Amino acid sequence: MPEGREVSPTQWTDFLREEVTPRFPGGLTHWPAQGQWRSDSGALGQENSFVLEVIVPAENNAAAIESFRAVIDAYKEQFEQESVLWLRDPKVDVTFR
């Protein structure tokens, strides 16, 4: 976040509970990570971050995309982020058992 502030583990847990879990009640996985990126000015930035993994069956794709966008928008607003990395792989074949 600006001025070197970081999202605390408690803030992250609250965000999961309030924004993510209601949109993806079927389950998710998350873990802490160390992020690195190059800013628009060319400076290299590093910060603690979080990775969120949600696997959604292909038949739920349109609704899931809308939910992911809502989660990203909420995260950017709540934690004053310029961007959020979102990786989608529609070729992954997942079977829920």
PDB file of N, CA and C in Angstrom:
ATOM      1  N   MET A   1       0.850  -1.177   0.000  1.00  0.00           N
ATOM      2  CA  MET A   1       0.000   0.000   0.000  1.00  0.00           C
ATOM      3  C   MET A   1       0.898   1.243   0.000  1.00  0.00           C
ATOM      4  N   PRO A   2       0.347   2.389  -0.280  1.00  0.00           N
ATOM      5  CA  PRO A   2       1.154   3.612  -0.274  1.00  0.00           C
ATOM      6  C   PRO A   2       1.876   3.820   1.057  1.00  0.00           C
ATOM      7  N   GLU A   3       2.943   4.602   0.997  1.00  0.00           N
ATOM      8  CA  GLU A   3       3.774   4.923   2.148  1.00  0.00           C
ATOM      9  C   GLU A   3       4.369   3.688   2.816  1.00  0.00           C
ATOM     10  N   GLY A   4       4.520   2.594   2.073  1.00  0.00           N
ATOM     11  CA  GLY A   4       5.145   1.400   2.615  1.00  0.00           C
ATOM     12  C   GLY A   4       4.280   0.577   3.552  1.00  0.00           C
ATOM     13  N   ARG A   5       3.013   0.941   3.691  1.00  0.00           N
ATOM     14  CA  ARG A   5       2.118   0.147   4.537  1.00  0.00           C
ATOM     15  C   ARG A   5       1.856  -1.192   3.870  1.00  0.00           C
ATOM     16  N   GLU A   6       1.600  -2.225   4.683  1.00  0.00           N
ATOM     17  CA  GLU A   6       1.335  -3.563   4.151  1.00  0.00           C
ATOM     18  C   GLU A   6      -0.018  -4.059   4.625  1.00  0.00           C
ATOM     19  N   VAL A   7      -0.606  -4.926   3.837  1.00  0.00           N
ATOM     20  CA  VAL A   7      -1.830  -5.595   4.234  1.00  0.00           C
ATOM     21  C   VAL A   7      -1.453  -6.611   5.308  1.00  0.00           C
ATOM     22  N   SER A   8      -2.039  -6.481   6.461  1.00  0.00           N
ATOM     23  CA  SER A   8      -1.706  -7.384   7.567  1.00  0.00           C
ATOM     24  C   SER A   8      -2.412  -8.730   7.379  1.00  0.00           C
ATOM     25  N   PRO A   9      -1.931  -9.760   8.039  1.00  0.00           N
ATOM     26  CA  PRO A   9      -2.629 -11.049   7.979  1.00  0.00           C
ATOM     27  C   PRO A   9      -4.087 -10.943   8.437  1.00  0.00           C
ATOM     28  N   THR A  10      -4.350 -10.107   9.424  1.00  0.00           N
ATOM     29  CA  THR A  10      -5.735  -9.926   9.887  1.00  0.00           C
ATOM     30  C   THR A  10      -6.579  -9.244   8.817  1.00  0.00           C
ATOM     31  N   GLN A  11      -6.037  -8.218   8.166  1.00  0.00           N
ATOM     32  CA  GLN A  11      -6.770  -7.553   7.089  1.00  0.00           C
ATOM     33  C   GLN A  11      -7.050  -8.535   5.950  1.00  0.00           C
ATOM     34  N   TRP A  12      -6.078  -9.373   5.623  1.00  0.00           N
ATOM     35  CA  TRP A  12      -6.244 -10.370   4.565  1.00  0.00           C
ATOM     36  C   TRP A  12      -7.340 -11.366   4.936  1.00  0.00           C
ATOM     37  N   THR A  13      -7.314 -11.854   6.174  1.00  0.00           N
ATOM     38  CA  THR A  13      -8.339 -12.798   6.634  1.00  0.00           C
ATOM     39  C   THR A  13      -9.723 -12.160   6.573  1.00  0.00           C
ATOM     40  N   ASP A  14      -9.817 -10.905   6.989  1.00  0.00           N
ATOM     41  CA  ASP A  14     -11.097 -10.188   6.920  1.00  0.00           C
ATOM     42  C   ASP A  14     -11.554 -10.040   5.473  1.00  0.00           C
ATOM     43  N   PHE A  15     -10.613  -9.729   4.580  1.00  0.00           N
ATOM     44  CA  PHE A  15     -10.953  -9.586   3.160  1.00  0.00           C
ATOM     45  C   PHE A  15     -11.466 -10.902   2.593  1.00  0.00           C
ATOM     46  N   LEU A  16     -10.797 -11.994   2.926  1.00  0.00           N
ATOM     47  CA  LEU A  16     -11.270 -13.309   2.470  1.00  0.00           C
ATOM     48  C   LEU A  16     -12.693 -13.564   2.948  1.00  0.00           C
ATOM     49  N   ARG A  17     -12.937 -13.300   4.223  1.00  0.00           N
ATOM     50  CA  ARG A  17     -14.249 -13.560   4.804  1.00  0.00           C
ATOM     51  C   ARG A  17     -15.338 -12.674   4.180  1.00  0.00           C
ATOM     52  N   GLU A  18     -15.031 -11.404   3.971  1.00  0.00           N
ATOM     53  CA  GLU A  18     -16.044 -10.446   3.532  1.00  0.00           C
ATOM     54  C   GLU A  18     -16.230 -10.373   2.020  1.00  0.00           C
ATOM     55  N   GLU A  19     -15.157 -10.536   1.253  1.00  0.00           N
ATOM     56  CA  GLU A  19     -15.225 -10.327  -0.200  1.00  0.00           C
ATOM     57  C   GLU A  19     -15.102 -11.600  -1.021  1.00  0.00           C
ATOM     58  N   VAL A  20     -14.215 -12.497  -0.621  1.00  0.00           N
ATOM     59  CA  VAL A  20     -13.920 -13.660  -1.457  1.00  0.00           C
ATOM     60  C   VAL A  20     -14.849 -14.836  -1.167  1.00  0.00           C
ATOM     61  N   THR A  21     -14.935 -15.248   0.080  1.00  0.00           N
ATOM     62  CA  THR A  21     -15.726 -16.436   0.431  1.00  0.00           C
ATOM     63  C   THR A  21     -17.185 -16.329  -0.003  1.00  0.00           C
ATOM     64  N   PRO A  22     -17.848 -15.177   0.149  1.00  0.00           N
ATOM     65  CA  PRO A  22     -19.233 -15.109  -0.338  1.00  0.00           C
ATOM     66  C   PRO A  22     -19.359 -15.327  -1.847  1.00  0.00           C
ATOM     67  N   ARG A  23     -18.323 -14.959  -2.591  1.00  0.00           N
ATOM     68  CA  ARG A  23     -18.367 -15.111  -4.048  1.00  0.00           C
ATOM     69  C   ARG A  23     -17.914 -16.500  -4.503  1.00  0.00           C
ATOM     70  N   PHE A  24     -17.099 -17.150  -3.672  1.00  0.00           N
ATOM     71  CA  PHE A  24     -16.582 -18.478  -3.999  1.00  0.00           C
ATOM     72  C   PHE A  24     -16.759 -19.409  -2.796  1.00  0.00           C
ATOM     73  N   PRO A  25     -18.005 -19.717  -2.460  1.00  0.00           N
ATOM     74  CA  PRO A  25     -18.265 -20.519  -1.262  1.00  0.00           C
ATOM     75  C   PRO A  25     -17.825 -21.974  -1.392  1.00  0.00           C
ATOM     76  N   GLY A  26     -17.533 -22.415  -2.604  1.00  0.00           N
ATOM     77  CA  GLY A  26     -17.123 -23.795  -2.820  1.00  0.00           C
ATOM     78  C   GLY A  26     -15.718 -24.103  -2.340  1.00  0.00           C
ATOM     79  N   GLY A  27     -14.929 -23.065  -2.079  1.00  0.00           N
ATOM     80  CA  GLY A  27     -13.582 -23.283  -1.562  1.00  0.00           C
ATOM     81  C   GLY A  27     -12.532 -22.511  -2.316  1.00  0.00           C
ATOM     82  N   LEU A  28     -11.385 -22.392  -1.679  1.00  0.00           N
ATOM     83  CA  LEU A  28     -10.260 -21.657  -2.237  1.00  0.00           C
ATOM     84  C   LEU A  28      -9.006 -22.047  -1.468  1.00  0.00           C
ATOM     85  N   THR A  29      -7.867 -21.648  -1.997  1.00  0.00           N
ATOM     86  CA  THR A  29      -6.588 -21.840  -1.327  1.00  0.00           C
ATOM     87  C   THR A  29      -5.867 -20.501  -1.354  1.00  0.00           C
ATOM     88  N   HIS A  30      -5.179 -20.176  -0.275  1.00  0.00           N
ATOM     89  CA  HIS A  30      -4.397 -18.934  -0.261  1.00  0.00           C
ATOM     90  C   HIS A  30      -3.139 -19.137   0.565  1.00  0.00           C
ATOM     91  N   TRP A  31      -2.126 -18.327   0.247  1.00  0.00           N
ATOM     92  CA  TRP A  31      -0.871 -18.411   0.981  1.00  0.00           C
ATOM     93  C   TRP A  31      -0.120 -17.086   0.853  1.00  0.00           C
ATOM     94  N   PRO A  32       0.763 -16.796   1.837  1.00  0.00           N
ATOM     95  CA  PRO A  32       1.574 -15.583   1.758  1.00  0.00           C
ATOM     96  C   PRO A  32       2.687 -15.758   0.728  1.00  0.00           C
ATOM     97  N   ALA A  33       3.098 -14.651   0.144  1.00  0.00           N
ATOM     98  CA  ALA A  33       4.146 -14.692  -0.879  1.00  0.00           C
ATOM     99  C   ALA A  33       4.969 -13.403  -0.804  1.00  0.00           C
ATOM    100  N   GLN A  34       6.058 -13.379  -1.556  1.00  0.00           N
ATOM    101  CA  GLN A  34       6.872 -12.173  -1.700  1.00  0.00           C
ATOM    102  C   GLN A  34       6.735 -11.711  -3.143  1.00  0.00           C
ATOM    103  N   GLY A  35       6.221 -10.507  -3.354  1.00  0.00           N
ATOM    104  CA  GLY A  35       5.985  -9.997  -4.697  1.00  0.00           C
ATOM    105  C   GLY A  35       7.072  -9.040  -5.150  1.00  0.00           C
ATOM    106  N   GLN A  36       7.244  -8.973  -6.458  1.00  0.00           N
ATOM    107  CA  GLN A  36       8.209  -8.050  -7.051  1.00  0.00           C
ATOM    108  C   GLN A  36       7.649  -7.570  -8.381  1.00  0.00           C
ATOM    109  N   TRP A  37       7.831  -6.304  -8.699  1.00  0.00           N
ATOM    110  CA  TRP A  37       7.324  -5.741  -9.939  1.00  0.00           C
ATOM    111  C   TRP A  37       8.141  -4.503 -10.298  1.00  0.00           C
ATOM    112  N   ARG A  38       8.010  -4.077 -11.541  1.00  0.00           N
ATOM    113  CA  ARG A  38       8.655  -2.848 -11.991  1.00  0.00           C
ATOM    114  C   ARG A  38       7.552  -1.810 -12.180  1.00  0.00           C
ATOM    115  N   SER A  39       7.691  -0.680 -11.513  1.00  0.00           N
ATOM    116  CA  SER A  39       6.680   0.372 -11.573  1.00  0.00           C
ATOM    117  C   SER A  39       6.746   1.107 -12.909  1.00  0.00           C
ATOM    118  N   ASP A  40       5.770   1.967 -13.140  1.00  0.00           N
ATOM    119  CA  ASP A  40       5.748   2.771 -14.365  1.00  0.00           C
ATOM    120  C   ASP A  40       6.992   3.643 -14.490  1.00  0.00           C
ATOM    121  N   SER A  41       7.566   4.040 -13.344  1.00  0.00           N
ATOM    122  CA  SER A  41       8.771   4.875 -13.364  1.00  0.00           C
ATOM    123  C   SER A  41      10.038   4.067 -13.615  1.00  0.00           C
ATOM    124  N   GLY A  42       9.910   2.732 -13.629  1.00  0.00           N
ATOM    125  CA  GLY A  42      11.057   1.874 -13.861  1.00  0.00           C
ATOM    126  C   GLY A  42      11.717   1.352 -12.599  1.00  0.00           C
ATOM    127  N   ALA A  43      11.252   1.816 -11.446  1.00  0.00           N
ATOM    128  CA  ALA A  43      11.831   1.365 -10.176  1.00  0.00           C
ATOM    129  C   ALA A  43      11.352  -0.052  -9.853  1.00  0.00           C
ATOM    130  N   LEU A  44      12.238  -0.831  -9.266  1.00  0.00           N
ATOM    131  CA  LEU A  44      11.894  -2.180  -8.851  1.00  0.00           C
ATOM    132  C   LEU A  44      11.285  -2.125  -7.461  1.00  0.00           C
ATOM    133  N   GLY A  45      10.101  -2.693  -7.319  1.00  0.00           N
ATOM    134  CA  GLY A  45       9.428  -2.713  -6.028  1.00  0.00           C
ATOM    135  C   GLY A  45       9.295  -4.131  -5.519  1.00  0.00           C
ATOM    136  N   GLN A  46       9.322  -4.276  -4.218  1.00  0.00           N
ATOM    137  CA  GLN A  46       9.134  -5.576  -3.578  1.00  0.00           C
ATOM    138  C   GLN A  46       8.241  -5.380  -2.376  1.00  0.00           C
ATOM    139  N   GLU A  47       7.379  -6.362  -2.124  1.00  0.00           N
ATOM    140  CA  GLU A  47       6.527  -6.294  -0.952  1.00  0.00           C
ATOM    141  C   GLU A  47       5.965  -7.672  -0.636  1.00  0.00           C
ATOM    142  N   ASN A  48       5.556  -7.824   0.599  1.00  0.00           N
ATOM    143  CA  ASN A  48       4.842  -9.035   0.962  1.00  0.00           C
ATOM    144  C   ASN A  48       3.496  -9.012   0.257  1.00  0.00           C
ATOM    145  N   SER A  49       3.008 -10.174  -0.115  1.00  0.00           N
ATOM    146  CA  SER A  49       1.734 -10.239  -0.811  1.00  0.00           C
ATOM    147  C   SER A  49       1.031 -11.538  -0.451  1.00  0.00           C
ATOM    148  N   PHE A  50      -0.093 -11.765  -1.083  1.00  0.00           N
ATOM    149  CA  PHE A  50      -0.864 -12.974  -0.869  1.00  0.00           C
ATOM    150  C   PHE A  50      -1.254 -13.550  -2.213  1.00  0.00           C
ATOM    151  N   VAL A  51      -1.290 -14.857  -2.302  1.00  0.00           N
ATOM    152  CA  VAL A  51      -1.736 -15.547  -3.508  1.00  0.00           C
ATOM    153  C   VAL A  51      -3.066 -16.206  -3.172  1.00  0.00           C
ATOM    154  N   LEU A  52      -4.017 -16.029  -4.065  1.00  0.00           N
ATOM    155  CA  LEU A  52      -5.340 -16.628  -3.924  1.00  0.00           C
ATOM    156  C   LEU A  52      -5.566 -17.535  -5.117  1.00  0.00           C
ATOM    157  N   GLU A  53      -5.916 -18.782  -4.859  1.00  0.00           N
ATOM    158  CA  GLU A  53      -6.197 -19.735  -5.939  1.00  0.00           C
ATOM    159  C   GLU A  53      -7.634 -20.223  -5.795  1.00  0.00           C
ATOM    160  N   VAL A  54      -8.384 -20.044  -6.876  1.00  0.00           N
ATOM    161  CA  VAL A  54      -9.765 -20.516  -6.928  1.00  0.00           C
ATOM    162  C   VAL A  54      -9.926 -21.280  -8.234  1.00  0.00           C
ATOM    163  N   ILE A  55     -10.390 -22.496  -8.139  1.00  0.00           N
ATOM    164  CA  ILE A  55     -10.624 -23.315  -9.331  1.00  0.00           C
ATOM    165  C   ILE A  55     -12.127 -23.399  -9.541  1.00  0.00           C
ATOM    166  N   VAL A  56     -12.540 -23.047 -10.747  1.00  0.00           N
ATOM    167  CA  VAL A  56     -13.960 -22.984 -11.050  1.00  0.00           C
ATOM    168  C   VAL A  56     -14.243 -23.860 -12.267  1.00  0.00           C
ATOM    169  N   PRO A  57     -15.261 -24.713 -12.193  1.00  0.00           N
ATOM    170  CA  PRO A  57     -15.623 -25.520 -13.368  1.00  0.00           C
ATOM    171  C   PRO A  57     -15.966 -24.627 -14.568  1.00  0.00           C
ATOM    172  N   ALA A  58     -15.651 -25.089 -15.766  1.00  0.00           N
ATOM    173  CA  ALA A  58     -15.846 -24.301 -16.978  1.00  0.00           C
ATOM    174  C   ALA A  58     -17.286 -23.840 -17.163  1.00  0.00           C
ATOM    175  N   GLU A  59     -18.234 -24.643 -16.722  1.00  0.00           N
ATOM    176  CA  GLU A  59     -19.637 -24.252 -16.922  1.00  0.00           C
ATOM    177  C   GLU A  59     -20.025 -23.041 -16.073  1.00  0.00           C
ATOM    178  N   ASN A  60     -19.209 -22.670 -15.101  1.00  0.00           N
ATOM    179  CA  ASN A  60     -19.472 -21.492 -14.269  1.00  0.00           C
ATOM    180  C   ASN A  60     -18.605 -20.305 -14.681  1.00  0.00           C
ATOM    181  N   ASN A  61     -18.005 -20.362 -15.838  1.00  0.00           N
ATOM    182  CA  ASN A  61     -16.994 -19.396 -16.238  1.00  0.00           C
ATOM    183  C   ASN A  61     -17.488 -17.948 -16.239  1.00  0.00           C
ATOM    184  N   ALA A  62     -18.627 -17.656 -16.848  1.00  0.00           N
ATOM    185  CA  ALA A  62     -19.100 -16.266 -16.941  1.00  0.00           C
ATOM    186  C   ALA A  62     -19.362 -15.680 -15.563  1.00  0.00           C
ATOM    187  N   ALA A  63     -20.029 -16.417 -14.708  1.00  0.00           N
ATOM    188  CA  ALA A  63     -20.300 -15.931 -13.354  1.00  0.00           C
ATOM    189  C   ALA A  63     -19.009 -15.788 -12.562  1.00  0.00           C
ATOM    190  N   ALA A  64     -18.089 -16.728 -12.747  1.00  0.00           N
ATOM    191  CA  ALA A  64     -16.817 -16.677 -12.033  1.00  0.00           C
ATOM    192  C   ALA A  64     -16.010 -15.449 -12.444  1.00  0.00           C
ATOM    193  N   ILE A  65     -15.977 -15.145 -13.724  1.00  0.00           N
ATOM    194  CA  ILE A  65     -15.234 -13.973 -14.202  1.00  0.00           C
ATOM    195  C   ILE A  65     -15.781 -12.709 -13.554  1.00  0.00           C
ATOM    196  N   GLU A  66     -17.087 -12.592 -13.494  1.00  0.00           N
ATOM    197  CA  GLU A  66     -17.708 -11.437 -12.845  1.00  0.00           C
ATOM    198  C   GLU A  66     -17.308 -11.368 -11.371  1.00  0.00           C
ATOM    199  N   SER A  67     -17.310 -12.509 -10.703  1.00  0.00           N
ATOM    200  CA  SER A  67     -16.927 -12.553  -9.284  1.00  0.00           C
ATOM    201  C   SER A  67     -15.457 -12.205  -9.093  1.00  0.00           C
ATOM    202  N   PHE A  68     -14.582 -12.725  -9.949  1.00  0.00           N
ATOM    203  CA  PHE A  68     -13.159 -12.393  -9.850  1.00  0.00           C
ATOM    204  C   PHE A  68     -12.941 -10.898 -10.031  1.00  0.00           C
ATOM    205  N   ARG A  69     -13.617 -10.315 -11.000  1.00  0.00           N
ATOM    206  CA  ARG A  69     -13.472  -8.875 -11.231  1.00  0.00           C
ATOM    207  C   ARG A  69     -13.933  -8.074 -10.021  1.00  0.00           C
ATOM    208  N   ALA A  70     -15.011  -8.507  -9.386  1.00  0.00           N
ATOM    209  CA  ALA A  70     -15.503  -7.821  -8.188  1.00  0.00           C
ATOM    210  C   ALA A  70     -14.483  -7.931  -7.048  1.00  0.00           C
ATOM    211  N   VAL A  71     -13.885  -9.103  -6.882  1.00  0.00           N
ATOM    212  CA  VAL A  71     -12.870  -9.301  -5.834  1.00  0.00           C
ATOM    213  C   VAL A  71     -11.659  -8.406  -6.117  1.00  0.00           C
ATOM    214  N   ILE A  72     -11.209  -8.377  -7.357  1.00  0.00           N
ATOM    215  CA  ILE A  72     -10.060  -7.547  -7.727  1.00  0.00           C
ATOM    216  C   ILE A  72     -10.357  -6.076  -7.475  1.00  0.00           C
ATOM    217  N   ASP A  73     -11.524  -5.610  -7.903  1.00  0.00           N
ATOM    218  CA  ASP A  73     -11.893  -4.209  -7.690  1.00  0.00           C
ATOM    219  C   ASP A  73     -11.945  -3.872  -6.198  1.00  0.00           C
ATOM    220  N   ALA A  74     -12.513  -4.778  -5.401  1.00  0.00           N
ATOM    221  CA  ALA A  74     -12.593  -4.551  -3.956  1.00  0.00           C
ATOM    222  C   ALA A  74     -11.197  -4.494  -3.343  1.00  0.00           C
ATOM    223  N   TYR A  75     -10.310  -5.387  -3.759  1.00  0.00           N
ATOM    224  CA  TYR A  75      -8.945  -5.413  -3.224  1.00  0.00           C
ATOM    225  C   TYR A  75      -8.210  -4.120  -3.580  1.00  0.00           C
ATOM    226  N   LYS A  76      -8.296  -3.718  -4.841  1.00  0.00           N
ATOM    227  CA  LYS A  76      -7.616  -2.503  -5.277  1.00  0.00           C
ATOM    228  C   LYS A  76      -8.116  -1.285  -4.498  1.00  0.00           C
ATOM    229  N   GLU A  77      -9.416  -1.203  -4.294  1.00  0.00           N
ATOM    230  CA  GLU A  77      -9.974  -0.061  -3.574  1.00  0.00           C
ATOM    231  C   GLU A  77      -9.611  -0.107  -2.086  1.00  0.00           C
ATOM    232  N   GLN A  78      -9.836  -1.238  -1.458  1.00  0.00           N
ATOM    233  CA  GLN A  78      -9.618  -1.343  -0.019  1.00  0.00           C
ATOM    234  C   GLN A  78      -8.158  -1.164   0.371  1.00  0.00           C
ATOM    235  N   PHE A  79      -7.241  -1.690  -0.463  1.00  0.00           N
ATOM    236  CA  PHE A  79      -5.828  -1.662  -0.108  1.00  0.00           C
ATOM    237  C   PHE A  79      -5.008  -0.718  -0.986  1.00  0.00           C
ATOM    238  N   GLU A  80      -5.684   0.163  -1.729  1.00  0.00           N
ATOM    239  CA  GLU A  80      -5.046   1.216  -2.511  1.00  0.00           C
ATOM    240  C   GLU A  80      -3.980   0.669  -3.464  1.00  0.00           C
ATOM    241  N   GLN A  81      -4.353  -0.345  -4.223  1.00  0.00           N
ATOM    242  CA  GLN A  81      -3.426  -0.989  -5.159  1.00  0.00           C
ATOM    243  C   GLN A  81      -3.610  -0.441  -6.567  1.00  0.00           C
ATOM    244  N   GLU A  82      -2.508  -0.324  -7.299  1.00  0.00           N
ATOM    245  CA  GLU A  82      -2.579   0.086  -8.700  1.00  0.00           C
ATOM    246  C   GLU A  82      -3.047  -1.061  -9.583  1.00  0.00           C
ATOM    247  N   SER A  83      -2.638  -2.270  -9.236  1.00  0.00           N
ATOM    248  CA  SER A  83      -2.983  -3.412 -10.069  1.00  0.00           C
ATOM    249  C   SER A  83      -2.996  -4.689  -9.237  1.00  0.00           C
ATOM    250  N   VAL A  84      -3.622  -5.700  -9.784  1.00  0.00           N
ATOM    251  CA  VAL A  84      -3.680  -7.029  -9.185  1.00  0.00           C
ATOM    252  C   VAL A  84      -3.435  -8.025 -10.310  1.00  0.00           C
ATOM    253  N   LEU A  85      -2.526  -8.955 -10.100  1.00  0.00           N
ATOM    254  CA  LEU A  85      -2.259  -9.982 -11.101  1.00  0.00           C
ATOM    255  C   LEU A  85      -3.379 -11.011 -11.070  1.00  0.00           C
ATOM    256  N   TRP A  86      -3.931 -11.308 -12.242  1.00  0.00           N
ATOM    257  CA  TRP A  86      -4.997 -12.298 -12.368  1.00  0.00           C
ATOM    258  C   TRP A  86      -4.579 -13.246 -13.483  1.00  0.00           C
ATOM    259  N   LEU A  87      -4.391 -14.492 -13.151  1.00  0.00           N
ATOM    260  CA  LEU A  87      -3.984 -15.508 -14.104  1.00  0.00           C
ATOM    261  C   LEU A  87      -5.144 -16.454 -14.330  1.00  0.00           C
ATOM    262  N   ARG A  88      -5.536 -16.610 -15.578  1.00  0.00           N
ATOM    263  CA  ARG A  88      -6.611 -17.534 -15.950  1.00  0.00           C
ATOM    264  C   ARG A  88      -6.036 -18.555 -16.906  1.00  0.00           C
ATOM    265  N   ASP A  89      -6.375 -19.815 -16.703  1.00  0.00           N
ATOM    266  CA  ASP A  89      -5.941 -20.862 -17.614  1.00  0.00           C
ATOM    267  C   ASP A  89      -7.145 -21.717 -17.984  1.00  0.00           C
ATOM    268  N   PRO A  90      -7.809 -21.386 -19.084  1.00  0.00           N
ATOM    269  CA  PRO A  90      -9.009 -22.135 -19.475  1.00  0.00           C
ATOM    270  C   PRO A  90      -8.689 -23.539 -19.996  1.00  0.00           C
ATOM    271  N   LYS A  91      -7.412 -23.871 -20.176  1.00  0.00           N
ATOM    272  CA  LYS A  91      -7.055 -25.201 -20.688  1.00  0.00           C
ATOM    273  C   LYS A  91      -6.908 -26.234 -19.590  1.00  0.00           C
ATOM    274  N   VAL A  92      -6.933 -25.804 -18.342  1.00  0.00           N
ATOM    275  CA  VAL A  92      -6.784 -26.749 -17.250  1.00  0.00           C
ATOM    276  C   VAL A  92      -8.060 -27.578 -17.125  1.00  0.00           C
ATOM    277  N   ASP A  93      -7.898 -28.881 -17.134  1.00  0.00           N
ATOM    278  CA  ASP A  93      -9.032 -29.783 -17.021  1.00  0.00           C
ATOM    279  C   ASP A  93      -9.123 -30.248 -15.562  1.00  0.00           C
ATOM    280  N   VAL A  94     -10.146 -29.783 -14.869  1.00  0.00           N
ATOM    281  CA  VAL A  94     -10.308 -30.080 -13.462  1.00  0.00           C
ATOM    282  C   VAL A  94     -11.547 -30.933 -13.252  1.00  0.00           C
ATOM    283  N   THR A  95     -11.396 -31.959 -12.461  1.00  0.00           N
ATOM    284  CA  THR A  95     -12.530 -32.816 -12.103  1.00  0.00           C
ATOM    285  C   THR A  95     -12.703 -32.739 -10.591  1.00  0.00           C
ATOM    286  N   PHE A  96     -13.923 -32.419 -10.164  1.00  0.00           N
ATOM    287  CA  PHE A  96     -14.242 -32.393  -8.740  1.00  0.00           C
ATOM    288  C   PHE A  96     -14.837 -33.737  -8.377  1.00  0.00           C
ATOM    289  N   ARG A  97     -14.314 -34.356  -7.323  1.00  0.00           N
ATOM    290  CA  ARG A  97     -14.815 -35.665  -6.901  1.00  0.00           C
ATOM    291  C   ARG A  97     -15.258 -35.627  -5.475  1.00  0.00           C
TER     292      ARG A  97
END
